[in-house]
Amino acid sequence: MPGLAASVNTPFYQQHWQQIHLPLLKQRQTELWVCHLQCRVPAIAGNKWLKLKYHIQHIQQYEKTGILTFGGAFSNHLAAVAAAGKAFGFQTHAIVRHDGAVLNPTLAACQEQDMQLSFVSPQQYRQRQQSGYLATLQQQFPDWLLVPEGGTSPLGVKGVAELQLNNTPAGAADLICCATGSGGTVAGLALGHPQTAVLGINVVKDPSLPEQITALAPHQHNWQLAADCSGLRYGQFDAATLQLCLQLSQQDLPLEPVYTGKALQTLLAALREGHIKTGQRLVFFHTGGLQGLDGMLQRQRITQEQYQQIKSAELRLWHQFG
């Protein structure tokens, strides 16, 4: 992989700030700033480049063949790993939790980036963290780097910890918030901002998430978790969350309702209900995931008009930031 180290170490993303205006925020005398990461490879935007940077460096340093990783059929992580492999010249292979559904836009995009896919049942997929199963996979792929689901590992956390979110264009942040599924982003933000409170919105209903974050950041106590306010299982969303996504698209803030939209809806609900005190400056880290809109459209969970409205907001946002 000639030139990989140089590519990894050159500036790969730009950090952009966007202030959001809503009646609730004005009423509660609260500032809300959204931080976006624009990446030279769009599919590795959001938090994905941060999680993958040191995995890619590990591949280069130890001359690994590529990355073997895990994800669901609509995984943002798989899409990012596939794009990274294509961009930086290493092979990628995914163990995909699959229930027999037809090939969707996410997996089709992965294959277009030359990612190999191995489909397993949900029951077999649950073994992805078991040492025996991982040892067997490592024997089958001896020269590959095994990367956990979501890129959540000490290397992934190290990358996230480098991101600085505590200084907005208007001043210091009182609270940093993000959606979380595997815990790596929350752990990295807590490590990188030891003097700032970090709030993770758990959108996957995983009861082991606090334990996972503690293992990744054992000496950090500046973070907490909140369950998303919809009460729905991962992958589902309600009309209120979709409406928020459509409303904020008018401010050129593109969100999808399964992950980032659900997290921001929960943050606003916590503010409305008094769980977050007034007069603060809040930061919401946009972790990406807009590729998932393609699958929602394919499954007719959003209309073509709704899809186009959010995607147009995405285009306007990046045009604004140049």
C-alpha atoms as a PDB file:
ATOM      1  CA  MET A   1       0.000   0.000   0.000  1.00  0.00           C
ATOM      2  CA  PRO A   2       2.506   2.655  -1.118  1.00  0.00           C
ATOM      3  CA  GLY A   3       1.763   6.156   0.063  1.00  0.00           C
ATOM      4  CA  LEU A   4      -0.797   5.045   2.623  1.00  0.00           C
ATOM      5  CA  ALA A   5       0.955   6.591   5.631  1.00  0.00           C
ATOM      6  CA  ALA A   6       1.242   9.945   3.908  1.00  0.00           C
ATOM      7  CA  SER A   7      -2.419   9.858   2.921  1.00  0.00           C
ATOM      8  CA  VAL A   8      -3.545   8.988   6.420  1.00  0.00           C
ATOM      9  CA  ASN A   9      -1.546  11.764   8.022  1.00  0.00           C
ATOM     10  CA  THR A  10      -2.595  14.551   5.665  1.00  0.00           C
ATOM     11  CA  PRO A  11      -5.691  16.569   6.669  1.00  0.00           C
ATOM     12  CA  PHE A  12      -8.568  14.337   5.698  1.00  0.00           C
ATOM     13  CA  TYR A  13     -11.577  16.224   6.998  1.00  0.00           C
ATOM     14  CA  GLN A  14     -12.787  19.719   7.723  1.00  0.00           C
ATOM     15  CA  GLN A  15     -14.710  20.602  10.858  1.00  0.00           C
ATOM     16  CA  HIS A  16     -17.730  22.833  10.372  1.00  0.00           C
ATOM     17  CA  TRP A  17     -20.088  24.493  12.860  1.00  0.00           C
ATOM     18  CA  GLN A  18     -23.757  25.282  12.359  1.00  0.00           C
ATOM     19  CA  GLN A  19     -26.057  27.024  14.840  1.00  0.00           C
ATOM     20  CA  ILE A  20     -29.652  25.787  14.966  1.00  0.00           C
ATOM     21  CA  HIS A  21     -32.599  28.044  15.774  1.00  0.00           C
ATOM     22  CA  LEU A  22     -35.872  26.717  17.217  1.00  0.00           C
ATOM     23  CA  PRO A  23     -38.574  28.319  19.396  1.00  0.00           C
ATOM     24  CA  LEU A  24     -37.750  25.865  22.195  1.00  0.00           C
ATOM     25  CA  LEU A  25     -34.111  26.949  22.218  1.00  0.00           C
ATOM     26  CA  LYS A  26     -35.067  30.609  22.396  1.00  0.00           C
ATOM     27  CA  GLN A  27     -37.572  29.895  25.164  1.00  0.00           C
ATOM     28  CA  ARG A  28     -34.966  27.993  27.187  1.00  0.00           C
ATOM     29  CA  GLN A  29     -32.231  30.566  26.427  1.00  0.00           C
ATOM     30  CA  THR A  30     -30.101  27.773  25.027  1.00  0.00           C
ATOM     31  CA  GLU A  31     -27.623  27.722  22.145  1.00  0.00           C
ATOM     32  CA  LEU A  32     -27.404  24.618  19.998  1.00  0.00           C
ATOM     33  CA  TRP A  33     -24.379  24.129  17.763  1.00  0.00           C
ATOM     34  CA  VAL A  34     -24.030  21.175  15.399  1.00  0.00           C
ATOM     35  CA  CYS A  35     -20.557  20.043  14.421  1.00  0.00           C
ATOM     36  CA  HIS A  36     -20.111  18.353  11.032  1.00  0.00           C
ATOM     37  CA  LEU A  37     -17.036  16.655   9.618  1.00  0.00           C
ATOM     38  CA  GLN A  38     -16.687  16.974   5.863  1.00  0.00           C
ATOM     39  CA  CYS A  39     -14.399  14.249   4.558  1.00  0.00           C
ATOM     40  CA  ARG A  40     -12.412  13.946   1.333  1.00  0.00           C
ATOM     41  CA  VAL A  41     -14.152  10.580   0.892  1.00  0.00           C
ATOM     42  CA  PRO A  42     -17.812  11.391   1.672  1.00  0.00           C
ATOM     43  CA  ALA A  43     -18.681   7.853   2.793  1.00  0.00           C
ATOM     44  CA  ILE A  44     -16.112   8.164   5.612  1.00  0.00           C
ATOM     45  CA  ALA A  45     -17.595  11.394   6.994  1.00  0.00           C
ATOM     46  CA  GLY A  46     -19.145  11.898  10.427  1.00  0.00           C
ATOM     47  CA  ASN A  47     -17.324   9.911  13.083  1.00  0.00           C
ATOM     48  CA  LYS A  48     -16.203   7.151  10.713  1.00  0.00           C
ATOM     49  CA  TRP A  49     -12.838   8.577   9.692  1.00  0.00           C
ATOM     50  CA  LEU A  50     -11.984   9.211  13.334  1.00  0.00           C
ATOM     51  CA  LYS A  51     -12.708   5.573  14.163  1.00  0.00           C
ATOM     52  CA  LEU A  52     -10.857   4.165  11.157  1.00  0.00           C
ATOM     53  CA  LYS A  53      -7.724   6.324  11.034  1.00  0.00           C
ATOM     54  CA  TYR A  54      -5.603   4.297  13.463  1.00  0.00           C
ATOM     55  CA  HIS A  55      -6.933   0.967  12.179  1.00  0.00           C
ATOM     56  CA  ILE A  56      -5.643   1.969   8.742  1.00  0.00           C
ATOM     57  CA  GLN A  57      -2.293   2.991  10.218  1.00  0.00           C
ATOM     58  CA  HIS A  58      -2.124  -0.412  11.946  1.00  0.00           C
ATOM     59  CA  ILE A  59      -2.660  -2.160   8.598  1.00  0.00           C
ATOM     60  CA  GLN A  60       0.169  -0.172   7.046  1.00  0.00           C
ATOM     61  CA  GLN A  61       2.549  -0.635   9.950  1.00  0.00           C
ATOM     62  CA  TYR A  62       2.063  -4.402  10.198  1.00  0.00           C
ATOM     63  CA  GLU A  63       1.482  -5.007   6.477  1.00  0.00           C
ATOM     64  CA  LYS A  64      -1.954  -6.514   6.960  1.00  0.00           C
ATOM     65  CA  THR A  65      -4.061  -7.647   4.003  1.00  0.00           C
ATOM     66  CA  GLY A  66      -7.086  -5.625   5.041  1.00  0.00           C
ATOM     67  CA  ILE A  67      -9.970  -5.219   7.486  1.00  0.00           C
ATOM     68  CA  LEU A  68     -12.482  -7.872   8.481  1.00  0.00           C
ATOM     69  CA  THR A  69     -15.382  -6.348  10.345  1.00  0.00           C
ATOM     70  CA  PHE A  70     -19.044  -6.745  11.315  1.00  0.00           C
ATOM     71  CA  GLY A  71     -22.308  -4.944  10.710  1.00  0.00           C
ATOM     72  CA  GLY A  72     -25.983  -5.059   9.904  1.00  0.00           C
ATOM     73  CA  ALA A  73     -27.431  -4.912   6.418  1.00  0.00           C
ATOM     74  CA  PHE A  74     -27.753  -1.108   6.518  1.00  0.00           C
ATOM     75  CA  SER A  75     -24.573  -0.403   8.505  1.00  0.00           C
ATOM     76  CA  ASN A  76     -22.921   2.999   8.159  1.00  0.00           C
ATOM     77  CA  HIS A  77     -19.751   1.368   9.452  1.00  0.00           C
ATOM     78  CA  LEU A  78     -19.633  -1.202   6.645  1.00  0.00           C
ATOM     79  CA  ALA A  79     -20.189   1.508   4.038  1.00  0.00           C
ATOM     80  CA  ALA A  80     -17.329   3.528   5.527  1.00  0.00           C
ATOM     81  CA  VAL A  81     -14.913   0.583   5.758  1.00  0.00           C
ATOM     82  CA  ALA A  82     -15.617  -0.390   2.151  1.00  0.00           C
ATOM     83  CA  ALA A  83     -15.002   3.172   0.968  1.00  0.00           C
ATOM     84  CA  ALA A  84     -11.814   3.415   3.048  1.00  0.00           C
ATOM     85  CA  GLY A  85     -10.486   0.185   1.577  1.00  0.00           C
ATOM     86  CA  LYS A  86     -11.082   1.430  -1.940  1.00  0.00           C
ATOM     87  CA  ALA A  87      -9.540   4.834  -1.202  1.00  0.00           C
ATOM     88  CA  PHE A  88      -6.439   3.570   0.626  1.00  0.00           C
ATOM     89  CA  GLY A  89      -5.811   0.345  -1.247  1.00  0.00           C
ATOM     90  CA  PHE A  90      -6.569  -2.477   1.201  1.00  0.00           C
ATOM     91  CA  GLN A  91      -9.043  -5.349   1.049  1.00  0.00           C
ATOM     92  CA  THR A  92     -12.252  -5.393   3.069  1.00  0.00           C
ATOM     93  CA  HIS A  93     -14.503  -8.220   4.198  1.00  0.00           C
ATOM     94  CA  ALA A  94     -17.706  -7.967   6.238  1.00  0.00           C
ATOM     95  CA  ILE A  95     -19.626 -10.449   8.357  1.00  0.00           C
ATOM     96  CA  VAL A  96     -23.167  -9.201   7.783  1.00  0.00           C
ATOM     97  CA  ARG A  97     -26.189  -9.843   9.967  1.00  0.00           C
ATOM     98  CA  HIS A  98     -28.820 -10.751   7.409  1.00  0.00           C
ATOM     99  CA  ASP A  99     -32.320 -12.157   7.494  1.00  0.00           C
ATOM    100  CA  GLY A 100     -32.609 -13.093   3.842  1.00  0.00           C
ATOM    101  CA  ALA A 101     -33.734  -9.699   2.557  1.00  0.00           C
ATOM    102  CA  VAL A 102     -32.786  -8.610  -0.948  1.00  0.00           C
ATOM    103  CA  LEU A 103     -29.575  -6.721  -1.538  1.00  0.00           C
ATOM    104  CA  ASN A 104     -30.084  -3.141  -0.399  1.00  0.00           C
ATOM    105  CA  PRO A 105     -28.372   0.138  -1.415  1.00  0.00           C
ATOM    106  CA  THR A 106     -25.880  -0.026   1.484  1.00  0.00           C
ATOM    107  CA  LEU A 107     -24.638  -3.519   0.647  1.00  0.00           C
ATOM    108  CA  ALA A 108     -24.684  -2.802  -3.084  1.00  0.00           C
ATOM    109  CA  ALA A 109     -22.449   0.221  -2.442  1.00  0.00           C
ATOM    110  CA  CYS A 110     -20.122  -1.962  -0.362  1.00  0.00           C
ATOM    111  CA  GLN A 111     -19.803  -4.453  -3.214  1.00  0.00           C
ATOM    112  CA  GLU A 112     -19.140  -1.619  -5.661  1.00  0.00           C
ATOM    113  CA  GLN A 113     -16.166  -0.718  -3.428  1.00  0.00           C
ATOM    114  CA  ASP A 114     -14.927  -4.343  -3.739  1.00  0.00           C
ATOM    115  CA  MET A 115     -15.914  -5.376  -0.211  1.00  0.00           C
ATOM    116  CA  GLN A 116     -16.504  -9.109   0.204  1.00  0.00           C
ATOM    117  CA  LEU A 117     -19.678  -9.979   2.100  1.00  0.00           C
ATOM    118  CA  SER A 118     -20.380 -13.073   4.208  1.00  0.00           C
ATOM    119  CA  PHE A 119     -23.999 -13.317   5.337  1.00  0.00           C
ATOM    120  CA  VAL A 120     -24.825 -14.947   8.671  1.00  0.00           C
ATOM    121  CA  SER A 121     -28.022 -15.435  10.630  1.00  0.00           C
ATOM    122  CA  PRO A 122     -28.867 -13.114  13.534  1.00  0.00           C
ATOM    123  CA  GLN A 123     -28.136 -16.028  15.882  1.00  0.00           C
ATOM    124  CA  GLN A 124     -24.648 -16.561  14.499  1.00  0.00           C
ATOM    125  CA  TYR A 125     -24.013 -12.817  14.404  1.00  0.00           C
ATOM    126  CA  ARG A 126     -24.459 -12.637  18.172  1.00  0.00           C
ATOM    127  CA  GLN A 127     -21.135 -14.509  18.496  1.00  0.00           C
ATOM    128  CA  ARG A 128     -19.208 -11.524  17.095  1.00  0.00           C
ATOM    129  CA  GLN A 129     -17.748 -10.602  20.499  1.00  0.00           C
ATOM    130  CA  GLN A 130     -16.999 -14.132  21.688  1.00  0.00           C
ATOM    131  CA  SER A 131     -13.318 -14.934  21.909  1.00  0.00           C
ATOM    132  CA  GLY A 132     -13.653 -18.435  20.458  1.00  0.00           C
ATOM    133  CA  TYR A 133     -15.520 -17.218  17.392  1.00  0.00           C
ATOM    134  CA  LEU A 134     -13.037 -14.395  16.855  1.00  0.00           C
ATOM    135  CA  ALA A 135     -10.108 -16.785  17.184  1.00  0.00           C
ATOM    136  CA  THR A 136     -11.637 -19.014  14.497  1.00  0.00           C
ATOM    137  CA  LEU A 137     -12.093 -16.040  12.190  1.00  0.00           C
ATOM    138  CA  GLN A 138      -8.504 -14.927  12.785  1.00  0.00           C
ATOM    139  CA  GLN A 139      -7.301 -18.402  11.804  1.00  0.00           C
ATOM    140  CA  GLN A 140      -9.333 -18.158   8.596  1.00  0.00           C
ATOM    141  CA  PHE A 141      -8.013 -14.645   7.900  1.00  0.00           C
ATOM    142  CA  PRO A 142      -4.507 -14.730   9.448  1.00  0.00           C
ATOM    143  CA  ASP A 143      -3.184 -11.557   7.827  1.00  0.00           C
ATOM    144  CA  TRP A 144      -6.292  -9.428   8.386  1.00  0.00           C
ATOM    145  CA  LEU A 145      -7.099  -6.909  11.100  1.00  0.00           C
ATOM    146  CA  LEU A 146     -10.350  -7.762  12.890  1.00  0.00           C
ATOM    147  CA  VAL A 147     -12.241  -4.554  13.673  1.00  0.00           C
ATOM    148  CA  PRO A 148     -15.285  -4.686  15.983  1.00  0.00           C
ATOM    149  CA  GLU A 149     -18.754  -3.586  14.957  1.00  0.00           C
ATOM    150  CA  GLY A 150     -18.947   0.175  14.546  1.00  0.00           C
ATOM    151  CA  GLY A 151     -15.153   0.501  14.623  1.00  0.00           C
ATOM    152  CA  THR A 152     -15.380   0.617  18.408  1.00  0.00           C
ATOM    153  CA  SER A 153     -11.998  -0.434  19.771  1.00  0.00           C
ATOM    154  CA  PRO A 154      -9.115   1.287  21.602  1.00  0.00           C
ATOM    155  CA  LEU A 155      -7.795   2.399  18.200  1.00  0.00           C
ATOM    156  CA  GLY A 156     -11.181   3.817  17.237  1.00  0.00           C
ATOM    157  CA  VAL A 157     -11.564   5.609  20.559  1.00  0.00           C
ATOM    158  CA  LYS A 158      -8.079   7.111  20.157  1.00  0.00           C
ATOM    159  CA  GLY A 159      -9.130   8.693  16.873  1.00  0.00           C
ATOM    160  CA  VAL A 160     -12.381  10.131  18.253  1.00  0.00           C
ATOM    161  CA  ALA A 161     -10.513  11.597  21.249  1.00  0.00           C
ATOM    162  CA  GLU A 162      -8.537  13.830  18.872  1.00  0.00           C
ATOM    163  CA  LEU A 163     -11.658  15.736  17.814  1.00  0.00           C
ATOM    164  CA  GLN A 164     -12.128  19.004  19.686  1.00  0.00           C
ATOM    165  CA  LEU A 165     -15.727  20.074  20.209  1.00  0.00           C
ATOM    166  CA  ASN A 166     -15.533  22.151  23.377  1.00  0.00           C
ATOM    167  CA  ASN A 167     -14.847  25.469  21.633  1.00  0.00           C
ATOM    168  CA  THR A 168     -17.724  26.554  19.407  1.00  0.00           C
ATOM    169  CA  PRO A 169     -17.638  29.752  17.322  1.00  0.00           C
ATOM    170  CA  ALA A 170     -19.564  31.405  20.186  1.00  0.00           C
ATOM    171  CA  GLY A 171     -17.451  30.089  23.056  1.00  0.00           C
ATOM    172  CA  ALA A 172     -16.998  27.082  25.314  1.00  0.00           C
ATOM    173  CA  ALA A 173     -19.510  24.243  25.283  1.00  0.00           C
ATOM    174  CA  ASP A 174     -21.358  23.248  28.445  1.00  0.00           C
ATOM    175  CA  LEU A 175     -22.493  19.869  27.105  1.00  0.00           C
ATOM    176  CA  ILE A 176     -21.441  17.685  24.169  1.00  0.00           C
ATOM    177  CA  CYS A 177     -24.059  15.267  22.848  1.00  0.00           C
ATOM    178  CA  CYS A 178     -24.066  12.532  20.215  1.00  0.00           C
ATOM    179  CA  ALA A 179     -25.952   9.450  19.156  1.00  0.00           C
ATOM    180  CA  THR A 180     -24.334   6.191  20.217  1.00  0.00           C
ATOM    181  CA  GLY A 181     -24.719   2.580  19.231  1.00  0.00           C
ATOM    182  CA  SER A 182     -21.509   0.784  20.177  1.00  0.00           C
ATOM    183  CA  GLY A 183     -20.130   3.345  22.656  1.00  0.00           C
ATOM    184  CA  GLY A 184     -16.874   4.246  20.941  1.00  0.00           C
ATOM    185  CA  THR A 185     -17.782   7.824  20.115  1.00  0.00           C
ATOM    186  CA  VAL A 186     -18.971   8.588  23.657  1.00  0.00           C
ATOM    187  CA  ALA A 187     -15.812   7.050  25.118  1.00  0.00           C
ATOM    188  CA  GLY A 188     -13.598   9.024  22.740  1.00  0.00           C
ATOM    189  CA  LEU A 189     -15.390  12.322  23.368  1.00  0.00           C
ATOM    190  CA  ALA A 190     -15.168  11.766  27.136  1.00  0.00           C
ATOM    191  CA  LEU A 191     -11.431  11.119  26.877  1.00  0.00           C
ATOM    192  CA  GLY A 192     -10.867  14.086  24.591  1.00  0.00           C
ATOM    193  CA  HIS A 193     -12.912  16.510  26.713  1.00  0.00           C
ATOM    194  CA  PRO A 194     -12.219  15.553  30.340  1.00  0.00           C
ATOM    195  CA  GLN A 195     -13.545  18.881  31.681  1.00  0.00           C
ATOM    196  CA  THR A 196     -16.779  18.886  29.661  1.00  0.00           C
ATOM    197  CA  ALA A 197     -19.940  16.847  30.219  1.00  0.00           C
ATOM    198  CA  VAL A 198     -20.695  14.316  27.463  1.00  0.00           C
ATOM    199  CA  LEU A 199     -24.167  12.888  26.841  1.00  0.00           C
ATOM    200  CA  GLY A 200     -24.689   9.842  24.643  1.00  0.00           C
ATOM    201  CA  ILE A 201     -28.156   9.051  23.305  1.00  0.00           C
ATOM    202  CA  ASN A 202     -28.491   5.265  23.231  1.00  0.00           C
ATOM    203  CA  VAL A 203     -30.464   4.480  20.080  1.00  0.00           C
ATOM    204  CA  VAL A 204     -29.897   0.694  20.133  1.00  0.00           C
ATOM    205  CA  LYS A 205     -31.426  -0.291  23.493  1.00  0.00           C
ATOM    206  CA  ASP A 206     -28.242  -2.177  24.454  1.00  0.00           C
ATOM    207  CA  PRO A 207     -28.149  -2.699  28.252  1.00  0.00           C
ATOM    208  CA  SER A 208     -24.433  -3.538  28.120  1.00  0.00           C
ATOM    209  CA  LEU A 209     -23.494  -0.160  26.630  1.00  0.00           C
ATOM    210  CA  PRO A 210     -22.453   1.492  29.946  1.00  0.00           C
ATOM    211  CA  GLU A 211     -20.129  -1.413  30.642  1.00  0.00           C
ATOM    212  CA  GLN A 212     -18.621  -1.174  27.165  1.00  0.00           C
ATOM    213  CA  ILE A 213     -17.961   2.562  27.490  1.00  0.00           C
ATOM    214  CA  THR A 214     -16.427   2.089  30.938  1.00  0.00           C
ATOM    215  CA  ALA A 215     -14.076  -0.543  29.527  1.00  0.00           C
ATOM    216  CA  LEU A 216     -12.948   1.845  26.778  1.00  0.00           C
ATOM    217  CA  ALA A 217     -12.586   4.890  29.068  1.00  0.00           C
ATOM    218  CA  PRO A 218     -12.119   3.411  32.556  1.00  0.00           C
ATOM    219  CA  HIS A 219     -10.992   6.593  34.285  1.00  0.00           C
ATOM    220  CA  GLN A 220     -13.502   9.003  32.763  1.00  0.00           C
ATOM    221  CA  HIS A 221     -16.585   9.974  34.736  1.00  0.00           C
ATOM    222  CA  ASN A 222     -17.755  12.960  32.697  1.00  0.00           C
ATOM    223  CA  TRP A 223     -20.210  11.030  30.517  1.00  0.00           C
ATOM    224  CA  GLN A 224     -23.717   9.698  30.880  1.00  0.00           C
ATOM    225  CA  LEU A 225     -26.273   7.924  28.705  1.00  0.00           C
ATOM    226  CA  ALA A 226     -29.908   8.654  27.974  1.00  0.00           C
ATOM    227  CA  ALA A 227     -32.337   6.338  26.228  1.00  0.00           C
ATOM    228  CA  ASP A 228     -33.871   7.756  23.078  1.00  0.00           C
ATOM    229  CA  CYS A 229     -37.298   9.208  23.746  1.00  0.00           C
ATOM    230  CA  SER A 230     -39.145   7.331  21.010  1.00  0.00           C
ATOM    231  CA  GLY A 231     -39.229   4.037  22.907  1.00  0.00           C
ATOM    232  CA  LEU A 232     -38.847   2.195  19.603  1.00  0.00           C
ATOM    233  CA  ARG A 233     -36.305  -0.488  18.822  1.00  0.00           C
ATOM    234  CA  TYR A 234     -33.247   0.255  16.729  1.00  0.00           C
ATOM    235  CA  GLY A 235     -34.057   0.812  13.073  1.00  0.00           C
ATOM    236  CA  GLN A 236     -37.559   2.093  13.789  1.00  0.00           C
ATOM    237  CA  PHE A 237     -38.674   5.711  13.977  1.00  0.00           C
ATOM    238  CA  ASP A 238     -41.876   7.609  14.628  1.00  0.00           C
ATOM    239  CA  ALA A 239     -43.593  10.387  12.711  1.00  0.00           C
ATOM    240  CA  ALA A 240     -42.387  13.054  15.168  1.00  0.00           C
ATOM    241  CA  THR A 241     -38.722  12.205  14.554  1.00  0.00           C
ATOM    242  CA  LEU A 242     -39.153  12.227  10.790  1.00  0.00           C
ATOM    243  CA  GLN A 243     -40.970  15.552  11.051  1.00  0.00           C
ATOM    244  CA  LEU A 244     -38.055  17.008  13.017  1.00  0.00           C
ATOM    245  CA  CYS A 245     -35.653  15.858  10.300  1.00  0.00           C
ATOM    246  CA  LEU A 246     -37.798  17.519   7.649  1.00  0.00           C
ATOM    247  CA  GLN A 247     -38.171  20.690   9.716  1.00  0.00           C
ATOM    248  CA  LEU A 248     -34.432  21.042  10.279  1.00  0.00           C
ATOM    249  CA  SER A 249     -33.674  20.313   6.635  1.00  0.00           C
ATOM    250  CA  GLN A 250     -35.135  23.795   6.055  1.00  0.00           C
ATOM    251  CA  GLN A 251     -32.164  25.113   8.067  1.00  0.00           C
ATOM    252  CA  ASP A 252     -29.814  23.047   5.889  1.00  0.00           C
ATOM    253  CA  LEU A 253     -29.309  20.484   8.635  1.00  0.00           C
ATOM    254  CA  PRO A 254     -29.586  16.999   7.081  1.00  0.00           C
ATOM    255  CA  LEU A 255     -30.556  14.225   9.507  1.00  0.00           C
ATOM    256  CA  GLU A 256     -31.895  10.691   9.123  1.00  0.00           C
ATOM    257  CA  PRO A 257     -34.588   9.530  11.565  1.00  0.00           C
ATOM    258  CA  VAL A 258     -33.015   6.258  12.752  1.00  0.00           C
ATOM    259  CA  TYR A 259     -29.845   7.575  14.372  1.00  0.00           C
ATOM    260  CA  THR A 260     -28.936  11.272  14.367  1.00  0.00           C
ATOM    261  CA  GLY A 261     -32.525  12.478  14.091  1.00  0.00           C
ATOM    262  CA  LYS A 262     -33.625  10.270  16.949  1.00  0.00           C
ATOM    263  CA  ALA A 263     -30.733  11.485  19.110  1.00  0.00           C
ATOM    264  CA  LEU A 264     -31.404  15.162  18.449  1.00  0.00           C
ATOM    265  CA  GLN A 265     -35.114  14.631  19.127  1.00  0.00           C
ATOM    266  CA  THR A 266     -34.169  13.143  22.503  1.00  0.00           C
ATOM    267  CA  LEU A 267     -31.830  16.031  23.315  1.00  0.00           C
ATOM    268  CA  LEU A 268     -34.575  18.552  22.603  1.00  0.00           C
ATOM    269  CA  ALA A 269     -37.071  16.526  24.661  1.00  0.00           C
ATOM    270  CA  ALA A 270     -34.645  16.515  27.609  1.00  0.00           C
ATOM    271  CA  LEU A 271     -34.349  20.281  27.311  1.00  0.00           C
ATOM    272  CA  ARG A 272     -38.114  20.708  27.076  1.00  0.00           C
ATOM    273  CA  GLU A 273     -38.729  18.522  30.128  1.00  0.00           C
ATOM    274  CA  GLY A 274     -36.129  20.277  32.256  1.00  0.00           C
ATOM    275  CA  HIS A 275     -33.571  17.467  32.359  1.00  0.00           C
ATOM    276  CA  ILE A 276     -31.060  19.883  30.817  1.00  0.00           C
ATOM    277  CA  LYS A 277     -30.844  23.221  32.572  1.00  0.00           C
ATOM    278  CA  THR A 278     -31.467  26.438  30.697  1.00  0.00           C
ATOM    279  CA  GLY A 279     -28.911  28.996  29.579  1.00  0.00           C
ATOM    280  CA  GLN A 280     -26.321  26.511  28.327  1.00  0.00           C
ATOM    281  CA  ARG A 281     -24.389  26.149  25.105  1.00  0.00           C
ATOM    282  CA  LEU A 282     -24.970  22.655  23.695  1.00  0.00           C
ATOM    283  CA  VAL A 283     -22.938  20.878  21.031  1.00  0.00           C
ATOM    284  CA  PHE A 284     -24.446  18.067  18.953  1.00  0.00           C
ATOM    285  CA  PHE A 285     -21.857  16.014  17.064  1.00  0.00           C
ATOM    286  CA  HIS A 286     -23.328  14.888  13.740  1.00  0.00           C
ATOM    287  CA  THR A 287     -21.979  11.359  13.349  1.00  0.00           C
ATOM    288  CA  GLY A 288     -23.085  10.981   9.721  1.00  0.00           C
ATOM    289  CA  GLY A 289     -25.114   8.043   8.468  1.00  0.00           C
ATOM    290  CA  LEU A 290     -27.049   9.807   5.727  1.00  0.00           C
ATOM    291  CA  GLN A 291     -26.370   6.903   3.374  1.00  0.00           C
ATOM    292  CA  GLY A 292     -29.098   5.070   5.301  1.00  0.00           C
ATOM    293  CA  LEU A 293     -31.702   7.270   3.638  1.00  0.00           C
ATOM    294  CA  ASP A 294     -31.279   5.254   0.435  1.00  0.00           C
ATOM    295  CA  GLY A 295     -32.396   2.083   2.202  1.00  0.00           C
ATOM    296  CA  MET A 296     -35.339   3.867   3.819  1.00  0.00           C
ATOM    297  CA  LEU A 297     -36.472   5.036   0.414  1.00  0.00           C
ATOM    298  CA  GLN A 298     -36.084   1.553  -1.069  1.00  0.00           C
ATOM    299  CA  ARG A 299     -38.253   0.090   1.705  1.00  0.00           C
ATOM    300  CA  GLN A 300     -40.786   2.914   1.246  1.00  0.00           C
ATOM    301  CA  ARG A 301     -40.350   4.094   4.828  1.00  0.00           C
ATOM    302  CA  ILE A 302     -39.914   7.616   3.532  1.00  0.00           C
ATOM    303  CA  THR A 303     -41.324   9.131   0.368  1.00  0.00           C
ATOM    304  CA  GLN A 304     -39.337  10.311  -2.609  1.00  0.00           C
ATOM    305  CA  GLU A 305     -40.263  13.885  -1.693  1.00  0.00           C
ATOM    306  CA  GLN A 306     -39.030  13.465   1.903  1.00  0.00           C
ATOM    307  CA  TYR A 307     -35.841  11.812   0.704  1.00  0.00           C
ATOM    308  CA  GLN A 308     -35.164  14.603  -1.757  1.00  0.00           C
ATOM    309  CA  GLN A 309     -35.842  17.288   0.838  1.00  0.00           C
ATOM    310  CA  ILE A 310     -33.201  15.926   3.219  1.00  0.00           C
ATOM    311  CA  LYS A 311     -30.654  15.153   0.488  1.00  0.00           C
ATOM    312  CA  SER A 312     -31.087  18.664  -0.902  1.00  0.00           C
ATOM    313  CA  ALA A 313     -30.323  20.058   2.557  1.00  0.00           C
ATOM    314  CA  GLU A 314     -27.132  17.997   2.586  1.00  0.00           C
ATOM    315  CA  LEU A 315     -26.057  19.426  -0.751  1.00  0.00           C
ATOM    316  CA  ARG A 316     -26.826  22.976   0.334  1.00  0.00           C
ATOM    317  CA  LEU A 317     -24.890  22.493   3.560  1.00  0.00           C
ATOM    318  CA  TRP A 318     -21.691  21.369   1.846  1.00  0.00           C
ATOM    319  CA  HIS A 319     -22.057  24.029  -0.803  1.00  0.00           C
ATOM    320  CA  GLN A 320     -22.312  26.602   2.000  1.00  0.00           C
ATOM    321  CA  PHE A 321     -19.124  25.301   3.616  1.00  0.00           C
ATOM    322  CA  GLY A 322     -17.357  25.120   0.275  1.00  0.00           C
END
